[in-house]
Amino acid sequence: MKNSDNIKIEVATCFLQEQSAPELGRYAFAYTIGITNHGSETVKLLNRHWQITDDNNRVEEVIGEGVIGQQPEIAPGQSFQYTSGAVIRTEFGTMQGSYEMLAADGHKFKALIPPFLLSPPHTVH
């Protein structure tokens, strides 16, 4: 495995109305990430790097070890899923980033997390 093409990342988001305070510029979201290893080697998620951008183009970078306190190992054909959260100052925003992965053969690579939208649901009348 020489690139991130063998790692599939899927994202689902949810607006957390009960944790949000629009009048204070606080919009809370949960996101669930599914990471599937379509390669032939076990991989370990070492680090995460997020760029969270609100609708005012304010960017917050989050860099840290693992995800939710774990550095999961994902065997070929297996998936790992977790849920975390983000708070932004505007009603809409985006997140994107990468995971630093370690393959069983010892080489490191980045698995890119494509941009996804943070947005509360809206009803159309």
N, C-alpha and C. Protein backbone atom coordinates (compact mmCIF):
# COMPACT_ATOMS: atom_id res chain seq x y z
N MET A 1 0.85 -1.18 0.00
CA MET A 1 0.00 0.00 0.00
C MET A 1 0.90 1.24 0.00
N LYS A 2 0.89 1.97 -1.10
CA LYS A 2 1.80 3.10 -1.22
C LYS A 2 1.10 4.45 -1.21
N ASN A 3 -0.22 4.45 -1.12
CA ASN A 3 -0.94 5.73 -1.05
C ASN A 3 -2.26 5.53 -0.32
N SER A 4 -3.05 6.56 -0.25
CA SER A 4 -4.28 6.49 0.53
C SER A 4 -5.45 5.95 -0.28
N ASP A 5 -5.21 5.54 -1.54
CA ASP A 5 -6.31 5.07 -2.37
C ASP A 5 -6.98 3.83 -1.79
N ASN A 6 -6.28 3.08 -0.98
CA ASN A 6 -6.84 1.86 -0.41
C ASN A 6 -7.60 2.10 0.89
N ILE A 7 -7.63 3.36 1.34
CA ILE A 7 -8.36 3.73 2.55
C ILE A 7 -9.57 4.56 2.14
N LYS A 8 -10.74 4.08 2.47
CA LYS A 8 -11.97 4.82 2.14
C LYS A 8 -12.49 5.47 3.41
N ILE A 9 -12.78 6.77 3.32
CA ILE A 9 -13.27 7.52 4.47
C ILE A 9 -14.67 8.05 4.14
N GLU A 10 -15.62 7.72 4.99
CA GLU A 10 -16.99 8.19 4.82
C GLU A 10 -17.38 9.01 6.05
N VAL A 11 -18.19 10.05 5.81
CA VAL A 11 -18.54 10.98 6.87
C VAL A 11 -20.05 11.21 6.90
N ALA A 12 -20.61 11.24 8.09
CA ALA A 12 -22.01 11.65 8.30
C ALA A 12 -22.00 12.71 9.40
N THR A 13 -22.76 13.79 9.20
CA THR A 13 -22.78 14.87 10.19
C THR A 13 -24.18 15.04 10.77
N CYS A 14 -24.23 15.67 11.94
CA CYS A 14 -25.49 15.92 12.63
C CYS A 14 -25.38 17.23 13.40
N PHE A 15 -26.33 18.13 13.20
CA PHE A 15 -26.39 19.38 13.96
C PHE A 15 -26.90 19.08 15.36
N LEU A 16 -26.21 19.61 16.38
CA LEU A 16 -26.60 19.37 17.77
C LEU A 16 -27.29 20.62 18.32
N GLN A 17 -28.59 20.70 18.08
CA GLN A 17 -29.34 21.89 18.45
C GLN A 17 -29.27 22.16 19.95
N GLU A 18 -29.33 21.10 20.76
CA GLU A 18 -29.34 21.28 22.21
C GLU A 18 -28.01 21.80 22.75
N GLN A 19 -26.93 21.65 21.98
CA GLN A 19 -25.63 22.16 22.41
C GLN A 19 -25.25 23.46 21.72
N SER A 20 -26.15 23.95 20.87
CA SER A 20 -25.88 25.16 20.10
C SER A 20 -26.57 26.36 20.73
N ALA A 21 -26.00 27.54 20.49
CA ALA A 21 -26.58 28.80 20.95
C ALA A 21 -26.35 29.83 19.85
N PRO A 22 -27.21 29.81 18.81
CA PRO A 22 -27.00 30.72 17.68
C PRO A 22 -26.86 32.18 18.08
N GLU A 23 -27.61 32.60 19.11
CA GLU A 23 -27.52 33.99 19.55
C GLU A 23 -26.15 34.34 20.11
N LEU A 24 -25.38 33.32 20.49
CA LEU A 24 -24.01 33.52 21.00
C LEU A 24 -22.95 33.13 19.97
N GLY A 25 -23.39 32.81 18.75
CA GLY A 25 -22.43 32.38 17.72
C GLY A 25 -21.82 31.03 18.03
N ARG A 26 -22.66 30.11 18.49
CA ARG A 26 -22.18 28.75 18.82
C ARG A 26 -23.05 27.74 18.08
N TYR A 27 -22.43 27.02 17.16
CA TYR A 27 -23.12 25.98 16.39
C TYR A 27 -22.34 24.68 16.59
N ALA A 28 -23.00 23.70 17.20
CA ALA A 28 -22.33 22.44 17.54
C ALA A 28 -22.77 21.34 16.58
N PHE A 29 -21.80 20.54 16.18
CA PHE A 29 -22.05 19.45 15.24
C PHE A 29 -21.36 18.18 15.74
N ALA A 30 -21.99 17.04 15.46
CA ALA A 30 -21.34 15.75 15.64
C ALA A 30 -21.03 15.22 14.24
N TYR A 31 -19.94 14.50 14.14
CA TYR A 31 -19.63 13.85 12.88
C TYR A 31 -19.17 12.43 13.16
N THR A 32 -19.64 11.53 12.32
CA THR A 32 -19.26 10.12 12.44
C THR A 32 -18.40 9.78 11.23
N ILE A 33 -17.23 9.23 11.51
CA ILE A 33 -16.27 8.88 10.47
C ILE A 33 -16.16 7.36 10.40
N GLY A 34 -16.24 6.85 9.17
CA GLY A 34 -15.98 5.44 8.93
C GLY A 34 -14.73 5.31 8.08
N ILE A 35 -13.78 4.54 8.54
CA ILE A 35 -12.51 4.34 7.83
C ILE A 35 -12.43 2.86 7.46
N THR A 36 -12.38 2.57 6.17
CA THR A 36 -12.33 1.19 5.69
C THR A 36 -11.00 0.95 4.98
N ASN A 37 -10.38 -0.16 5.31
CA ASN A 37 -9.10 -0.54 4.73
C ASN A 37 -9.36 -1.52 3.58
N HIS A 38 -9.19 -1.01 2.33
CA HIS A 38 -9.36 -1.86 1.15
C HIS A 38 -8.01 -2.39 0.65
N GLY A 39 -6.97 -2.19 1.43
CA GLY A 39 -5.64 -2.65 1.03
C GLY A 39 -5.36 -4.07 1.48
N SER A 40 -4.11 -4.46 1.34
CA SER A 40 -3.71 -5.83 1.67
C SER A 40 -2.91 -5.92 2.97
N GLU A 41 -2.67 -4.77 3.62
CA GLU A 41 -1.91 -4.76 4.88
C GLU A 41 -2.71 -4.08 5.97
N THR A 42 -2.46 -4.48 7.21
CA THR A 42 -3.03 -3.79 8.35
C THR A 42 -2.41 -2.40 8.43
N VAL A 43 -3.23 -1.41 8.78
CA VAL A 43 -2.75 -0.04 8.96
C VAL A 43 -3.13 0.45 10.35
N LYS A 44 -2.34 1.37 10.86
CA LYS A 44 -2.60 1.97 12.16
C LYS A 44 -2.75 3.47 11.98
N LEU A 45 -3.80 4.04 12.55
CA LEU A 45 -4.02 5.48 12.49
C LEU A 45 -3.18 6.12 13.60
N LEU A 46 -2.18 6.90 13.21
CA LEU A 46 -1.27 7.51 14.18
C LEU A 46 -1.74 8.89 14.65
N ASN A 47 -2.05 9.77 13.68
CA ASN A 47 -2.35 11.16 13.99
C ASN A 47 -3.47 11.68 13.11
N ARG A 48 -4.09 12.76 13.57
CA ARG A 48 -5.14 13.43 12.79
C ARG A 48 -4.75 14.89 12.57
N HIS A 49 -5.21 15.44 11.46
CA HIS A 49 -5.02 16.86 11.14
C HIS A 49 -6.30 17.35 10.50
N TRP A 50 -6.98 18.26 11.19
CA TRP A 50 -8.24 18.81 10.71
C TRP A 50 -8.09 20.29 10.40
N GLN A 51 -8.80 20.75 9.38
CA GLN A 51 -8.98 22.17 9.12
C GLN A 51 -10.49 22.42 9.16
N ILE A 52 -10.91 23.20 10.14
CA ILE A 52 -12.32 23.51 10.31
C ILE A 52 -12.50 24.98 9.94
N THR A 53 -13.33 25.23 8.92
CA THR A 53 -13.50 26.59 8.39
C THR A 53 -14.95 27.01 8.57
N ASP A 54 -15.16 28.16 9.22
CA ASP A 54 -16.53 28.64 9.35
C ASP A 54 -16.88 29.54 8.16
N ASP A 55 -18.11 30.06 8.16
CA ASP A 55 -18.61 30.83 7.02
C ASP A 55 -17.96 32.21 6.91
N ASN A 56 -17.18 32.60 7.92
CA ASN A 56 -16.41 33.85 7.87
C ASN A 56 -14.96 33.59 7.45
N ASN A 57 -14.70 32.39 6.96
CA ASN A 57 -13.36 31.94 6.56
C ASN A 57 -12.36 31.92 7.72
N ARG A 58 -12.87 31.77 8.94
CA ARG A 58 -12.00 31.59 10.10
C ARG A 58 -11.63 30.11 10.14
N VAL A 59 -10.35 29.82 10.13
CA VAL A 59 -9.87 28.44 10.08
C VAL A 59 -9.28 28.05 11.43
N GLU A 60 -9.72 26.91 11.92
CA GLU A 60 -9.15 26.32 13.13
C GLU A 60 -8.48 25.02 12.73
N GLU A 61 -7.23 24.88 13.12
CA GLU A 61 -6.52 23.63 12.85
C GLU A 61 -6.48 22.79 14.11
N VAL A 62 -6.73 21.51 13.94
CA VAL A 62 -6.66 20.56 15.05
C VAL A 62 -5.68 19.47 14.64
N ILE A 63 -4.61 19.36 15.40
CA ILE A 63 -3.59 18.35 15.13
C ILE A 63 -3.39 17.56 16.42
N GLY A 64 -3.44 16.24 16.31
CA GLY A 64 -3.27 15.46 17.52
C GLY A 64 -3.05 14.00 17.23
N GLU A 65 -2.77 13.29 18.31
CA GLU A 65 -2.50 11.86 18.22
C GLU A 65 -3.81 11.09 18.16
N GLY A 66 -3.91 10.18 17.21
CA GLY A 66 -5.05 9.28 17.12
C GLY A 66 -6.38 9.99 16.97
N VAL A 67 -7.44 9.27 17.28
CA VAL A 67 -8.81 9.79 17.28
C VAL A 67 -9.52 9.27 18.53
N ILE A 68 -10.28 10.11 19.16
CA ILE A 68 -11.02 9.79 20.40
C ILE A 68 -10.18 8.97 21.38
N GLY A 69 -8.93 9.35 21.54
CA GLY A 69 -8.06 8.67 22.49
C GLY A 69 -7.54 7.32 22.05
N GLN A 70 -7.72 6.98 20.79
CA GLN A 70 -7.28 5.68 20.29
C GLN A 70 -6.38 5.85 19.06
N GLN A 71 -5.55 4.85 18.83
CA GLN A 71 -4.79 4.72 17.59
C GLN A 71 -5.16 3.36 17.01
N PRO A 72 -6.33 3.31 16.36
CA PRO A 72 -6.84 2.00 15.93
C PRO A 72 -6.00 1.36 14.84
N GLU A 73 -5.92 0.04 14.90
CA GLU A 73 -5.34 -0.75 13.83
C GLU A 73 -6.50 -1.33 13.03
N ILE A 74 -6.40 -1.20 11.70
CA ILE A 74 -7.49 -1.63 10.83
C ILE A 74 -6.94 -2.68 9.86
N ALA A 75 -7.42 -3.89 10.02
CA ALA A 75 -6.96 -5.00 9.18
C ALA A 75 -7.56 -4.90 7.79
N PRO A 76 -6.95 -5.56 6.80
CA PRO A 76 -7.51 -5.56 5.44
C PRO A 76 -8.97 -5.99 5.45
N GLY A 77 -9.80 -5.22 4.75
CA GLY A 77 -11.22 -5.54 4.67
C GLY A 77 -12.03 -5.11 5.87
N GLN A 78 -11.38 -4.54 6.88
CA GLN A 78 -12.08 -4.13 8.10
C GLN A 78 -12.31 -2.62 8.12
N SER A 79 -13.20 -2.20 9.01
CA SER A 79 -13.51 -0.78 9.17
C SER A 79 -13.41 -0.38 10.63
N PHE A 80 -13.20 0.91 10.84
CA PHE A 80 -13.23 1.51 12.18
C PHE A 80 -14.13 2.72 12.09
N GLN A 81 -15.02 2.87 13.06
CA GLN A 81 -15.93 4.00 13.06
C GLN A 81 -15.89 4.69 14.40
N TYR A 82 -15.96 6.03 14.38
CA TYR A 82 -16.02 6.79 15.62
C TYR A 82 -16.84 8.06 15.40
N THR A 83 -17.29 8.64 16.50
CA THR A 83 -18.04 9.89 16.45
C THR A 83 -17.35 10.91 17.33
N SER A 84 -17.24 12.12 16.82
CA SER A 84 -16.64 13.22 17.57
C SER A 84 -17.45 14.48 17.27
N GLY A 85 -16.92 15.63 17.64
CA GLY A 85 -17.69 16.85 17.45
C GLY A 85 -16.85 18.06 17.15
N ALA A 86 -17.53 19.11 16.69
CA ALA A 86 -16.88 20.38 16.39
C ALA A 86 -17.88 21.50 16.69
N VAL A 87 -17.35 22.62 17.12
CA VAL A 87 -18.16 23.81 17.36
C VAL A 87 -17.60 24.94 16.52
N ILE A 88 -18.48 25.60 15.76
CA ILE A 88 -18.05 26.73 14.94
C ILE A 88 -18.90 27.95 15.30
N ARG A 89 -18.49 29.12 14.82
CA ARG A 89 -19.16 30.37 15.18
C ARG A 89 -20.24 30.80 14.19
N THR A 90 -20.36 30.09 13.09
CA THR A 90 -21.36 30.44 12.08
C THR A 90 -22.26 29.24 11.81
N GLU A 91 -23.38 29.50 11.14
CA GLU A 91 -24.36 28.45 10.89
C GLU A 91 -23.82 27.36 9.96
N PHE A 92 -22.94 27.75 9.05
CA PHE A 92 -22.37 26.81 8.09
C PHE A 92 -20.85 26.78 8.21
N GLY A 93 -20.27 25.66 7.85
CA GLY A 93 -18.82 25.54 7.83
C GLY A 93 -18.43 24.27 7.10
N THR A 94 -17.13 24.07 6.97
CA THR A 94 -16.62 22.86 6.36
C THR A 94 -15.49 22.29 7.21
N MET A 95 -15.27 21.00 7.04
CA MET A 95 -14.13 20.33 7.66
C MET A 95 -13.45 19.49 6.59
N GLN A 96 -12.13 19.40 6.69
CA GLN A 96 -11.35 18.51 5.84
C GLN A 96 -10.04 18.24 6.56
N GLY A 97 -9.30 17.27 6.07
CA GLY A 97 -8.04 16.99 6.73
C GLY A 97 -7.41 15.71 6.25
N SER A 98 -6.67 15.10 7.17
CA SER A 98 -5.99 13.85 6.83
C SER A 98 -5.66 13.08 8.10
N TYR A 99 -5.47 11.79 7.90
CA TYR A 99 -4.96 10.92 8.96
C TYR A 99 -3.58 10.45 8.54
N GLU A 100 -2.64 10.50 9.47
CA GLU A 100 -1.33 9.89 9.21
C GLU A 100 -1.44 8.42 9.59
N MET A 101 -1.16 7.57 8.63
CA MET A 101 -1.32 6.13 8.81
C MET A 101 0.05 5.45 8.75
N LEU A 102 0.16 4.34 9.43
CA LEU A 102 1.36 3.51 9.40
C LEU A 102 0.98 2.14 8.87
N ALA A 103 1.57 1.75 7.77
CA ALA A 103 1.29 0.43 7.19
C ALA A 103 2.14 -0.62 7.89
N ALA A 104 1.71 -1.87 7.78
CA ALA A 104 2.41 -2.98 8.43
C ALA A 104 3.85 -3.10 7.96
N ASP A 105 4.15 -2.64 6.72
CA ASP A 105 5.53 -2.74 6.22
C ASP A 105 6.41 -1.60 6.72
N GLY A 106 5.84 -0.70 7.57
CA GLY A 106 6.64 0.34 8.20
C GLY A 106 6.59 1.70 7.54
N HIS A 107 5.96 1.82 6.38
CA HIS A 107 5.92 3.14 5.75
C HIS A 107 4.67 3.91 6.20
N LYS A 108 4.85 5.23 6.29
CA LYS A 108 3.77 6.11 6.68
C LYS A 108 3.18 6.77 5.44
N PHE A 109 1.89 7.07 5.51
CA PHE A 109 1.22 7.78 4.42
C PHE A 109 0.04 8.55 4.98
N LYS A 110 -0.46 9.49 4.20
CA LYS A 110 -1.62 10.27 4.61
C LYS A 110 -2.86 9.75 3.90
N ALA A 111 -3.92 9.55 4.66
CA ALA A 111 -5.24 9.24 4.11
C ALA A 111 -6.03 10.54 4.17
N LEU A 112 -6.38 11.07 3.00
CA LEU A 112 -7.06 12.36 2.94
C LEU A 112 -8.53 12.23 3.31
N ILE A 113 -9.00 13.21 4.07
CA ILE A 113 -10.41 13.30 4.43
C ILE A 113 -11.00 14.40 3.56
N PRO A 114 -11.88 14.05 2.62
CA PRO A 114 -12.41 15.07 1.72
C PRO A 114 -13.26 16.08 2.47
N PRO A 115 -13.37 17.30 1.95
CA PRO A 115 -14.18 18.32 2.62
C PRO A 115 -15.63 17.87 2.79
N PHE A 116 -16.20 18.21 3.94
CA PHE A 116 -17.63 17.95 4.15
C PHE A 116 -18.26 19.14 4.86
N LEU A 117 -19.56 19.29 4.66
CA LEU A 117 -20.30 20.45 5.11
C LEU A 117 -20.82 20.26 6.53
N LEU A 118 -20.71 21.31 7.33
CA LEU A 118 -21.37 21.40 8.62
C LEU A 118 -22.53 22.37 8.42
N SER A 119 -23.76 21.86 8.59
CA SER A 119 -24.93 22.69 8.31
C SER A 119 -26.12 22.15 9.07
N PRO A 120 -26.87 23.04 9.76
CA PRO A 120 -28.09 22.58 10.39
C PRO A 120 -29.14 22.26 9.32
N PRO A 121 -30.07 21.37 9.63
CA PRO A 121 -31.13 21.07 8.65
C PRO A 121 -32.06 22.26 8.52
N HIS A 122 -32.56 22.47 7.34
CA HIS A 122 -33.50 23.56 7.09
C HIS A 122 -34.74 22.99 6.41
N THR A 123 -35.87 23.51 6.79
CA THR A 123 -37.10 23.07 6.14
C THR A 123 -37.50 24.10 5.09
N VAL A 124 -38.04 23.62 4.00
CA VAL A 124 -38.49 24.49 2.92
C VAL A 124 -40.02 24.58 3.01
N HIS A 125 -40.52 25.79 3.05
CA HIS A 125 -41.98 25.99 3.17
C HIS A 125 -42.59 26.19 1.80
